[in-house]
């Protein structure tokens, strides 16, 4: 079972502009790749039974 992940992106002080959807999409993609790499490092070498219980 996957656990939910909360990601907080810090914005430079004074940057009060409206969120840019393209920028948020890039940040999400970078975060997803980083988390995927970490998960791969954690799981690598540890066989699973296929059960999520």
PDB file of N, CA and C in Angstrom:
ATOM      1  N   UNK A   1       0.846  -1.181   0.000  1.00  0.00           N
ATOM      2  CA  UNK A   1       0.000   0.000   0.000  1.00  0.00           C
ATOM      3  C   UNK A   1       0.888   1.240   0.000  1.00  0.00           C
ATOM      4  N   UNK A   2       0.544   2.208  -0.813  1.00  0.00           N
ATOM      5  CA  UNK A   2       1.315   3.436  -0.868  1.00  0.00           C
ATOM      6  C   UNK A   2       0.849   4.383   0.218  1.00  0.00           C
ATOM      7  N   UNK A   3       1.800   5.073   0.806  1.00  0.00           N
ATOM      8  CA  UNK A   3       1.465   6.070   1.816  1.00  0.00           C
ATOM      9  C   UNK A   3       1.370   7.442   1.160  1.00  0.00           C
ATOM     10  N   UNK A   4       0.427   8.263   1.599  1.00  0.00           N
ATOM     11  CA  UNK A   4       0.359   9.618   1.041  1.00  0.00           C
ATOM     12  C   UNK A   4       1.593  10.415   1.448  1.00  0.00           C
ATOM     13  N   UNK A   5       1.998  11.309   0.585  1.00  0.00           N
ATOM     14  CA  UNK A   5       3.171  12.139   0.839  1.00  0.00           C
ATOM     15  C   UNK A   5       2.752  13.591   0.744  1.00  0.00           C
ATOM     16  N   UNK A   6       3.131  14.365   1.731  1.00  0.00           N
ATOM     17  CA  UNK A   6       2.870  15.799   1.681  1.00  0.00           C
ATOM     18  C   UNK A   6       4.165  16.483   1.265  1.00  0.00           C
ATOM     19  N   UNK A   7       4.068  17.318   0.247  1.00  0.00           N
ATOM     20  CA  UNK A   7       5.235  18.031  -0.260  1.00  0.00           C
ATOM     21  C   UNK A   7       4.982  19.516  -0.105  1.00  0.00           C
ATOM     22  N   UNK A   8       5.943  20.205   0.488  1.00  0.00           N
ATOM     23  CA  UNK A   8       5.833  21.652   0.654  1.00  0.00           C
ATOM     24  C   UNK A   8       6.964  22.288  -0.134  1.00  0.00           C
ATOM     25  N   UNK A   9       6.608  23.146  -1.079  1.00  0.00           N
ATOM     26  CA  UNK A   9       7.604  23.854  -1.855  1.00  0.00           C
ATOM     27  C   UNK A   9       7.760  25.242  -1.273  1.00  0.00           C
ATOM     28  N   UNK A  10       8.983  25.620  -1.003  1.00  0.00           N
ATOM     29  CA  UNK A  10       9.261  26.948  -0.453  1.00  0.00           C
ATOM     30  C   UNK A  10       9.381  27.951  -1.592  1.00  0.00           C
ATOM     31  N   UNK A  11       8.789  29.112  -1.388  1.00  0.00           N
ATOM     32  CA  UNK A  11       8.821  30.188  -2.370  1.00  0.00           C
ATOM     33  C   UNK A  11       9.697  31.295  -1.806  1.00  0.00           C
ATOM     34  N   UNK A  12      10.559  31.884  -2.645  1.00  0.00           N
ATOM     35  CA  UNK A  12      11.404  32.971  -2.143  1.00  0.00           C
ATOM     36  C   UNK A  12      10.564  34.070  -1.492  1.00  0.00           C
ATOM     37  N   UNK A  13      11.092  34.638  -0.425  1.00  0.00           N
ATOM     38  CA  UNK A  13      10.376  35.682   0.309  1.00  0.00           C
ATOM     39  C   UNK A  13      10.054  36.845  -0.621  1.00  0.00           C
ATOM     40  N   UNK A  14       8.852  37.337  -0.514  1.00  0.00           N
ATOM     41  CA  UNK A  14       8.430  38.463  -1.333  1.00  0.00           C
ATOM     42  C   UNK A  14       7.783  38.037  -2.645  1.00  0.00           C
ATOM     43  N   UNK A  15       7.837  36.755  -2.970  1.00  0.00           N
ATOM     44  CA  UNK A  15       7.236  36.261  -4.206  1.00  0.00           C
ATOM     45  C   UNK A  15       5.775  35.925  -3.930  1.00  0.00           C
ATOM     46  N   UNK A  16       4.900  36.906  -4.154  1.00  0.00           N
ATOM     47  CA  UNK A  16       3.482  36.732  -3.840  1.00  0.00           C
ATOM     48  C   UNK A  16       2.639  36.558  -5.102  1.00  0.00           C
ATOM     49  N   UNK A  17       3.304  36.277  -6.215  1.00  0.00           N
ATOM     50  CA  UNK A  17       2.582  36.109  -7.471  1.00  0.00           C
ATOM     51  C   UNK A  17       1.708  34.856  -7.419  1.00  0.00           C
ATOM     52  N   UNK A  18       0.723  34.830  -8.269  1.00  0.00           N
ATOM     53  CA  UNK A  18      -0.159  33.661  -8.385  1.00  0.00           C
ATOM     54  C   UNK A  18       0.670  32.448  -8.810  1.00  0.00           C
ATOM     55  N   UNK A  19       0.294  31.289  -8.322  1.00  0.00           N
ATOM     56  CA  UNK A  19       1.018  30.061  -8.665  1.00  0.00           C
ATOM     57  C   UNK A  19       0.943  29.808 -10.170  1.00  0.00           C
ATOM     58  N   UNK A  20       2.073  29.472 -10.764  1.00  0.00           N
ATOM     59  CA  UNK A  20       2.155  29.188 -12.194  1.00  0.00           C
ATOM     60  C   UNK A  20       1.962  27.684 -12.396  1.00  0.00           C
ATOM     61  N   UNK A  21       0.883  27.269 -13.077  1.00  0.00           N
ATOM     62  CA  UNK A  21       0.616  25.839 -13.249  1.00  0.00           C
ATOM     63  C   UNK A  21       1.778  25.078 -13.895  1.00  0.00           C
ATOM     64  N   UNK A  22       2.457  25.687 -14.853  1.00  0.00           N
ATOM     65  CA  UNK A  22       3.582  25.010 -15.511  1.00  0.00           C
ATOM     66  C   UNK A  22       4.725  24.796 -14.520  1.00  0.00           C
ATOM     67  N   UNK A  23       4.973  25.789 -13.684  1.00  0.00           N
ATOM     68  CA  UNK A  23       6.036  25.668 -12.678  1.00  0.00           C
ATOM     69  C   UNK A  23       5.672  24.596 -11.648  1.00  0.00           C
ATOM     70  N   UNK A  24       4.422  24.590 -11.218  1.00  0.00           N
ATOM     71  CA  UNK A  24       3.979  23.566 -10.272  1.00  0.00           C
ATOM     72  C   UNK A  24       4.099  22.169 -10.877  1.00  0.00           C
ATOM     73  N   UNK A  25       3.785  22.039 -12.153  1.00  0.00           N
ATOM     74  CA  UNK A  25       3.901  20.738 -12.819  1.00  0.00           C
ATOM     75  C   UNK A  25       5.356  20.284 -12.858  1.00  0.00           C
ATOM     76  N   UNK A  26       6.276  21.216 -13.141  1.00  0.00           N
ATOM     77  CA  UNK A  26       7.706  20.861 -13.147  1.00  0.00           C
ATOM     78  C   UNK A  26       8.168  20.456 -11.759  1.00  0.00           C
ATOM     79  N   UNK A  27       7.760  21.214 -10.739  1.00  0.00           N
ATOM     80  CA  UNK A  27       8.144  20.882  -9.366  1.00  0.00           C
ATOM     81  C   UNK A  27       7.601  19.516  -8.967  1.00  0.00           C
ATOM     82  N   UNK A  28       6.355  19.239  -9.342  1.00  0.00           N
ATOM     83  CA  UNK A  28       5.773  17.938  -9.008  1.00  0.00           C
ATOM     84  C   UNK A  28       6.539  16.811  -9.701  1.00  0.00           C
ATOM     85  N   UNK A  29       6.874  17.010 -10.976  1.00  0.00           N
ATOM     86  CA  UNK A  29       7.615  15.982 -11.714  1.00  0.00           C
ATOM     87  C   UNK A  29       8.977  15.734 -11.071  1.00  0.00           C
ATOM     88  N   UNK A  30       9.674  16.809 -10.690  1.00  0.00           N
ATOM     89  CA  UNK A  30      10.980  16.661 -10.039  1.00  0.00           C
ATOM     90  C   UNK A  30      10.837  15.928  -8.715  1.00  0.00           C
ATOM     91  N   UNK A  31       9.803  16.272  -7.962  1.00  0.00           N
ATOM     92  CA  UNK A  31       9.570  15.620  -6.669  1.00  0.00           C
ATOM     93  C   UNK A  31       9.252  14.147  -6.875  1.00  0.00           C
ATOM     94  N   UNK A  32       8.399  13.840  -7.847  1.00  0.00           N
ATOM     95  CA  UNK A  32       8.021  12.455  -8.123  1.00  0.00           C
ATOM     96  C   UNK A  32       9.254  11.626  -8.490  1.00  0.00           C
ATOM     97  N   UNK A  33      10.118  12.191  -9.350  1.00  0.00           N
ATOM     98  CA  UNK A  33      11.322  11.464  -9.741  1.00  0.00           C
ATOM     99  C   UNK A  33      12.239  11.241  -8.547  1.00  0.00           C
ATOM    100  N   UNK A  34      12.393  12.255  -7.710  1.00  0.00           N
ATOM    101  CA  UNK A  34      13.250  12.119  -6.532  1.00  0.00           C
ATOM    102  C   UNK A  34      12.699  11.059  -5.585  1.00  0.00           C
ATOM    103  N   UNK A  35      11.391  11.062  -5.359  1.00  0.00           N
ATOM    104  CA  UNK A  35      10.784  10.063  -4.480  1.00  0.00           C
ATOM    105  C   UNK A  35      10.883   8.668  -5.091  1.00  0.00           C
ATOM    106  N   UNK A  36      10.727   8.562  -6.398  1.00  0.00           N
ATOM    107  CA  UNK A  36      10.833   7.269  -7.066  1.00  0.00           C
ATOM    108  C   UNK A  36      12.237   6.705  -6.914  1.00  0.00           C
ATOM    109  N   UNK A  37      13.251   7.574  -7.052  1.00  0.00           N
ATOM    110  CA  UNK A  37      14.634   7.139  -6.879  1.00  0.00           C
ATOM    111  C   UNK A  37      14.865   6.649  -5.459  1.00  0.00           C
ATOM    112  N   UNK A  38      14.354   7.380  -4.479  1.00  0.00           N
ATOM    113  CA  UNK A  38      14.521   6.988  -3.076  1.00  0.00           C
ATOM    114  C   UNK A  38      13.832   5.660  -2.812  1.00  0.00           C
ATOM    115  N   UNK A  39      12.634   5.483  -3.361  1.00  0.00           N
ATOM    116  CA  UNK A  39      11.902   4.237  -3.175  1.00  0.00           C
ATOM    117  C   UNK A  39      12.677   3.084  -3.800  1.00  0.00           C
ATOM    118  N   UNK A  40      13.230   3.314  -4.992  1.00  0.00           N
ATOM    119  CA  UNK A  40      14.009   2.276  -5.656  1.00  0.00           C
ATOM    120  C   UNK A  40      15.222   1.869  -4.844  1.00  0.00           C
ATOM    121  N   UNK A  41      15.891   2.845  -4.214  1.00  0.00           N
ATOM    122  CA  UNK A  41      17.054   2.543  -3.381  1.00  0.00           C
ATOM    123  C   UNK A  41      16.641   1.751  -2.155  1.00  0.00           C
ATOM    124  N   UNK A  42      15.484   2.073  -1.593  1.00  0.00           N
ATOM    125  CA  UNK A  42      15.008   1.408  -0.381  1.00  0.00           C
ATOM    126  C   UNK A  42      14.584  -0.024  -0.672  1.00  0.00           C
ATOM    127  N   UNK A  43      13.890  -0.229  -1.782  1.00  0.00           N
ATOM    128  CA  UNK A  43      13.312  -1.532  -2.092  1.00  0.00           C
ATOM    129  C   UNK A  43      14.321  -2.468  -2.757  1.00  0.00           C
ATOM    130  N   UNK A  44      15.287  -1.911  -3.468  1.00  0.00           N
ATOM    131  CA  UNK A  44      16.239  -2.721  -4.229  1.00  0.00           C
ATOM    132  C   UNK A  44      16.889  -3.782  -3.334  1.00  0.00           C
ATOM    133  N   UNK A  45      16.838  -5.009  -3.782  1.00  0.00           N
ATOM    134  CA  UNK A  45      17.472  -6.083  -3.032  1.00  0.00           C
ATOM    135  C   UNK A  45      16.596  -6.707  -1.972  1.00  0.00           C
ATOM    136  N   UNK A  46      15.372  -6.201  -1.824  1.00  0.00           N
ATOM    137  CA  UNK A  46      14.448  -6.747  -0.834  1.00  0.00           C
ATOM    138  C   UNK A  46      13.263  -7.360  -1.562  1.00  0.00           C
ATOM    139  N   UNK A  47      13.261  -8.686  -1.754  1.00  0.00           N
ATOM    140  CA  UNK A  47      12.137  -9.313  -2.467  1.00  0.00           C
ATOM    141  C   UNK A  47      10.830  -9.143  -1.705  1.00  0.00           C
ATOM    142  N   UNK A  48       9.752  -9.014  -2.453  1.00  0.00           N
ATOM    143  CA  UNK A  48       8.434  -8.886  -1.829  1.00  0.00           C
ATOM    144  C   UNK A  48       7.600 -10.098  -2.189  1.00  0.00           C
ATOM    145  N   UNK A  49       6.651 -10.405  -1.350  1.00  0.00           N
ATOM    146  CA  UNK A  49       5.788 -11.560  -1.590  1.00  0.00           C
ATOM    147  C   UNK A  49       4.644 -11.227  -2.536  1.00  0.00           C
ATOM    148  N   UNK A  50       4.442  -9.938  -2.802  1.00  0.00           N
ATOM    149  CA  UNK A  50       3.332  -9.517  -3.646  1.00  0.00           C
ATOM    150  C   UNK A  50       2.105  -9.152  -2.854  1.00  0.00           C
ATOM    151  N   UNK A  51       2.121  -9.418  -1.548  1.00  0.00           N
ATOM    152  CA  UNK A  51       0.992  -9.063  -0.688  1.00  0.00           C
ATOM    153  C   UNK A  51       1.198  -7.671  -0.135  1.00  0.00           C
ATOM    154  N   UNK A  52       0.149  -6.861  -0.164  1.00  0.00           N
ATOM    155  CA  UNK A  52       0.224  -5.512   0.391  1.00  0.00           C
ATOM    156  C   UNK A  52      -0.254  -5.480   1.827  1.00  0.00           C
ATOM    157  N   UNK A  53      -0.653  -6.594   2.382  1.00  0.00           N
ATOM    158  CA  UNK A  53      -1.190  -6.642   3.746  1.00  0.00           C
ATOM    159  C   UNK A  53      -0.080  -6.569   4.767  1.00  0.00           C
TER     160      UNK A  53
END
